[in-house]
C-alpha atoms as a PDB file:
ATOM      1  CA  MET A   1     104.324 118.755 122.281  1.00  0.00           C
ATOM      2  CA  ASN A   2     103.747 115.015 122.106  1.00  0.00           C
ATOM      3  CA  GLU A   3     100.923 115.518 119.615  1.00  0.00           C
ATOM      4  CA  PHE A   4     103.254 117.474 117.341  1.00  0.00           C
ATOM      5  CA  VAL A   5     105.893 114.734 117.475  1.00  0.00           C
ATOM      6  CA  LEU A   6     103.213 112.129 116.757  1.00  0.00           C
ATOM      7  CA  ALA A   7     102.074 114.157 113.742  1.00  0.00           C
ATOM      8  CA  LEU A   8     105.673 114.322 112.557  1.00  0.00           C
ATOM      9  CA  GLY A   9     105.873 110.555 112.970  1.00  0.00           C
ATOM     10  CA  TRP A  10     102.872 110.057 110.710  1.00  0.00           C
ATOM     11  CA  PHE A  11     104.420 112.451 108.218  1.00  0.00           C
ATOM     12  CA  GLY A  12     107.658 110.472 108.368  1.00  0.00           C
ATOM     13  CA  LEU A  13     105.783 107.226 107.773  1.00  0.00           C
ATOM     14  CA  TYR A  14     104.443 108.390 104.407  1.00  0.00           C
ATOM     15  CA  ALA A  15     107.342 110.660 103.384  1.00  0.00           C
ATOM     16  CA  PRO A  16     109.412 107.940 101.672  1.00  0.00           C
ATOM     17  CA  VAL A  17     106.547 107.031  99.354  1.00  0.00           C
ATOM     18  CA  ALA A  18     105.572 110.620  98.589  1.00  0.00           C
ATOM     19  CA  LEU A  19     109.117 111.879  98.063  1.00  0.00           C
ATOM     20  CA  GLY A  20     110.113 108.720  96.183  1.00  0.00           C
ATOM     21  CA  ALA A  21     107.098 109.111  93.898  1.00  0.00           C
ATOM     22  CA  ILE A  22     107.995 112.733  93.183  1.00  0.00           C
ATOM     23  CA  GLY A  23     111.590 111.766  92.404  1.00  0.00           C
ATOM     24  CA  SER A  24     110.465 108.867  90.217  1.00  0.00           C
ATOM     25  CA  ALA A  25     107.950 110.960  88.308  1.00  0.00           C
ATOM     26  CA  TRP A  26     110.386 113.813  87.781  1.00  0.00           C
ATOM     27  CA  GLY A  27     113.230 111.510  86.745  1.00  0.00           C
ATOM     28  CA  CYS A  28     111.049 109.469  84.399  1.00  0.00           C
ATOM     29  CA  ALA A  29     109.736 112.684  82.853  1.00  0.00           C
ATOM     30  CA  LEU A  30     113.274 113.900  82.198  1.00  0.00           C
ATOM     31  CA  GLY A  31     114.345 110.579  80.727  1.00  0.00           C
ATOM     32  CA  GLY A  32     111.080 110.128  78.841  1.00  0.00           C
ATOM     33  CA  SER A  33     111.335 113.545  77.244  1.00  0.00           C
ATOM     34  CA  ALA A  34     114.837 112.711  76.052  1.00  0.00           C
ATOM     35  CA  ALA A  35     113.634 109.334  74.766  1.00  0.00           C
ATOM     36  CA  ILE A  36     110.848 110.945  72.758  1.00  0.00           C
ATOM     37  CA  GLY A  37     113.299 113.417  71.254  1.00  0.00           C
ATOM     38  CA  ALA A  38     115.716 110.601  70.431  1.00  0.00           C
ATOM     39  CA  MET A  39     112.976 108.647  68.666  1.00  0.00           C
ATOM     40  CA  LEU A  40     112.471 111.574  66.309  1.00  0.00           C
ATOM     41  CA  ASP A  41     116.141 111.518  65.378  1.00  0.00           C
ATOM     42  CA  SER A  42     116.573 107.722  65.158  1.00  0.00           C
ATOM     43  CA  ASP A  43     115.347 105.043  62.822  1.00  0.00           C
ATOM     44  CA  GLY A  44     115.227 102.285  65.435  1.00  0.00           C
ATOM     45  CA  GLY A  45     116.227 101.157  68.910  1.00  0.00           C
ATOM     46  CA  TYR A  46     113.288 102.866  70.525  1.00  0.00           C
ATOM     47  CA  GLY A  47     112.896 100.201  73.200  1.00  0.00           C
ATOM     48  CA  ARG A  48     116.262 100.912  74.750  1.00  0.00           C
ATOM     49  CA  PHE A  49     115.445 104.614  75.028  1.00  0.00           C
ATOM     50  CA  ILE A  50     112.109 103.939  76.713  1.00  0.00           C
ATOM     51  CA  GLY A  51     113.633 101.260  78.951  1.00  0.00           C
ATOM     52  CA  ALA A  52     116.385 103.566  80.128  1.00  0.00           C
ATOM     53  CA  SER A  53     113.954 106.404  80.795  1.00  0.00           C
ATOM     54  CA  LEU A  54     112.049 104.198  83.252  1.00  0.00           C
ATOM     55  CA  MET A  55     115.039 103.562  85.508  1.00  0.00           C
ATOM     56  CA  PRO A  56     114.100 106.240  88.093  1.00  0.00           C
ATOM     57  CA  SER A  57     110.792 104.480  88.790  1.00  0.00           C
ATOM     58  CA  SER A  58     112.546 102.261  91.345  1.00  0.00           C
ATOM     59  CA  GLN A  59     112.698 105.088  93.898  1.00  0.00           C
ATOM     60  CA  VAL A  60     108.976 104.903  94.597  1.00  0.00           C
ATOM     61  CA  ILE A  61     109.273 101.139  95.090  1.00  0.00           C
ATOM     62  CA  TYR A  62     112.047 101.677  97.621  1.00  0.00           C
ATOM     63  CA  GLY A  63     109.863 104.279  99.339  1.00  0.00           C
ATOM     64  CA  ILE A  64     107.006 101.794  99.647  1.00  0.00           C
ATOM     65  CA  VAL A  65     109.335  99.209 101.187  1.00  0.00           C
ATOM     66  CA  ILE A  66     110.618 101.787 103.688  1.00  0.00           C
ATOM     67  CA  MET A  67     107.077 102.841 104.581  1.00  0.00           C
ATOM     68  CA  PHE A  68     106.080  99.253 105.344  1.00  0.00           C
ATOM     69  CA  SER A  69     109.212  98.740 107.429  1.00  0.00           C
ATOM     70  CA  LEU A  70     108.405 101.856 109.478  1.00  0.00           C
ATOM     71  CA  GLN A  71     104.856 100.805 110.362  1.00  0.00           C
ATOM     72  CA  ARG A  72     104.276 100.139 114.069  1.00  0.00           C
ATOM     73  CA  ASP A  73     101.318  98.985 116.145  1.00  0.00           C
ATOM     74  CA  THR A  74     101.771 101.815 118.617  1.00  0.00           C
ATOM     75  CA  MET A  75     103.058 105.328 118.240  1.00  0.00           C
ATOM     76  CA  ASN A  76     104.674 107.404 120.967  1.00  0.00           C
ATOM     77  CA  ALA A  77     106.997 110.412 120.956  1.00  0.00           C
ATOM     78  CA  ASP A  78     110.187 108.342 120.639  1.00  0.00           C
ATOM     79  CA  VAL A  79     108.799 106.215 117.814  1.00  0.00           C
ATOM     80  CA  GLY A  80     107.351 109.281 116.076  1.00  0.00           C
ATOM     81  CA  ALA A  81     110.656 111.144 116.157  1.00  0.00           C
ATOM     82  CA  ALA A  82     112.527 108.130 114.779  1.00  0.00           C
ATOM     83  CA  MET A  83     109.959 107.587 112.039  1.00  0.00           C
ATOM     84  CA  PHE A  84     110.140 111.234 111.055  1.00  0.00           C
ATOM     85  CA  GLY A  85     113.915 111.224 110.812  1.00  0.00           C
ATOM     86  CA  ILE A  86     114.203 107.963 108.920  1.00  0.00           C
ATOM     87  CA  GLY A  87     111.237 108.657 106.632  1.00  0.00           C
ATOM     88  CA  VAL A  88     112.096 112.210 105.669  1.00  0.00           C
ATOM     89  CA  LEU A  89     115.808 111.609 105.190  1.00  0.00           C
ATOM     90  CA  SER A  90     115.444 108.394 103.208  1.00  0.00           C
ATOM     91  CA  GLY A  91     112.594 109.939 101.208  1.00  0.00           C
ATOM     92  CA  SER A  92     114.781 112.954 100.437  1.00  0.00           C
ATOM     93  CA  ALA A  93     117.487 110.614  99.172  1.00  0.00           C
ATOM     94  CA  MET A  94     114.928 108.931  96.888  1.00  0.00           C
ATOM     95  CA  LEU A  95     113.710 112.316  95.651  1.00  0.00           C
ATOM     96  CA  PHE A  96     117.194 113.579  94.863  1.00  0.00           C
ATOM     97  CA  THR A  97     118.518 110.390  93.267  1.00  0.00           C
ATOM     98  CA  GLY A  98     115.381 110.019  91.130  1.00  0.00           C
ATOM     99  CA  ILE A  99     115.722 113.516  89.703  1.00  0.00           C
ATOM    100  CA  ARG A 100     119.463 113.271  89.151  1.00  0.00           C
ATOM    101  CA  GLN A 101     119.115 109.815  87.623  1.00  0.00           C
ATOM    102  CA  GLY A 102     116.637 111.211  85.120  1.00  0.00           C
ATOM    103  CA  GLU A 103     119.099 113.948  84.172  1.00  0.00           C
ATOM    104  CA  VAL A 104     121.916 111.434  83.704  1.00  0.00           C
ATOM    105  CA  LEU A 105     119.678 109.180  81.625  1.00  0.00           C
ATOM    106  CA  ALA A 106     118.597 112.092  79.441  1.00  0.00           C
ATOM    107  CA  SER A 107     122.265 112.791  78.737  1.00  0.00           C
ATOM    108  CA  ALA A 108     122.921 109.110  78.009  1.00  0.00           C
ATOM    109  CA  ILE A 109     119.996 108.971  75.596  1.00  0.00           C
ATOM    110  CA  HIS A 110     121.117 112.134  73.800  1.00  0.00           C
ATOM    111  CA  ALA A 111     124.690 110.884  73.512  1.00  0.00           C
ATOM    112  CA  SER A 112     123.673 107.468  72.215  1.00  0.00           C
ATOM    113  CA  LYS A 113     121.719 109.037  69.349  1.00  0.00           C
ATOM    114  CA  ALA A 114     124.996 110.094  67.771  1.00  0.00           C
ATOM    115  CA  LYS A 115     127.027 107.096  68.959  1.00  0.00           C
ATOM    116  CA  PRO A 116     124.776 104.079  69.565  1.00  0.00           C
ATOM    117  CA  GLU A 117     127.705 101.902  70.647  1.00  0.00           C
ATOM    118  CA  ILE A 118     128.160 103.904  73.886  1.00  0.00           C
ATOM    119  CA  PHE A 119     124.612 103.330  75.105  1.00  0.00           C
ATOM    120  CA  GLY A 120     125.485 100.583  77.591  1.00  0.00           C
ATOM    121  CA  VAL A 121     128.468 102.313  79.140  1.00  0.00           C
ATOM    122  CA  SER A 122     126.592 105.611  79.299  1.00  0.00           C
ATOM    123  CA  LEU A 123     124.151 103.996  81.746  1.00  0.00           C
ATOM    124  CA  ALA A 124     126.903 103.425  84.332  1.00  0.00           C
ATOM    125  CA  PRO A 125     126.457 106.817  86.073  1.00  0.00           C
ATOM    126  CA  ALA A 126     122.715 106.121  86.411  1.00  0.00           C
ATOM    127  CA  ALA A 127     123.543 102.743  87.936  1.00  0.00           C
ATOM    128  CA  VAL A 128     125.792 104.440  90.496  1.00  0.00           C
ATOM    129  CA  LEU A 129     122.914 106.722  91.468  1.00  0.00           C
ATOM    130  CA  GLU A 130     120.697 103.651  91.777  1.00  0.00           C
ATOM    131  CA  GLY A 131     123.280 102.260  94.172  1.00  0.00           C
ATOM    132  CA  PHE A 132     122.958 105.350  96.352  1.00  0.00           C
ATOM    133  CA  SER A 133     119.201 104.766  96.504  1.00  0.00           C
ATOM    134  CA  VAL A 134     119.797 101.165  97.534  1.00  0.00           C
ATOM    135  CA  PHE A 135     122.205 102.340 100.261  1.00  0.00           C
ATOM    136  CA  ALA A 136     119.532 104.690 101.609  1.00  0.00           C
ATOM    137  CA  LEU A 137     116.995 101.846 101.479  1.00  0.00           C
ATOM    138  CA  VAL A 138     119.255  99.436 103.366  1.00  0.00           C
ATOM    139  CA  PHE A 139     120.174 101.977 106.030  1.00  0.00           C
ATOM    140  CA  ALA A 140     116.494 102.909 106.483  1.00  0.00           C
ATOM    141  CA  LEU A 141     115.568  99.232 106.879  1.00  0.00           C
ATOM    142  CA  VAL A 142     118.322  98.669 109.439  1.00  0.00           C
ATOM    143  CA  LEU A 143     117.346 101.759 111.417  1.00  0.00           C
ATOM    144  CA  ALA A 144     113.632 100.959 111.190  1.00  0.00           C
ATOM    145  CA  GLY A 145     114.324  97.563 112.724  1.00  0.00           C
ATOM    146  CA  ASN A 146     115.792  99.266 115.791  1.00  0.00           C
ATOM    147  CA  ILE A 147     112.881 101.627 116.484  1.00  0.00           C
ATOM    148  CA  GLY A 148     111.381 101.024 119.890  1.00  0.00           C
ATOM    149  CA  THR A 149     113.983  98.495 121.036  1.00  0.00           C
END
């Protein structure tokens, strides 16, 4: 049983990066596709579309930070269980917020094609989702600091 928990711990160590990368890639693909479509319909302002479509890329960065904060010199069943829980749950938050952020950004990009003046305010929902990712990051860092104490 201990070997299984240790394997779960190793899985939990790398889960934030893997799940964050999936969320970032998926979200950037959604936003990027909308940006490409918007460039076909617009005569300028391409940089803002591309810039907005890259917003979900932060989830993989947060996942890397969480992974490094979870690293330990020794692994036992208690540490492995904690790493699994923190890694998988925070990684799932990064996955979900990355995908949803991409969807929100795609909508913002589409809307700003017709009304360019709403571009800035249309990014507010994506910023709220970014805040949820930061909350997950902070809670994972706090919990990771208490593993094995």
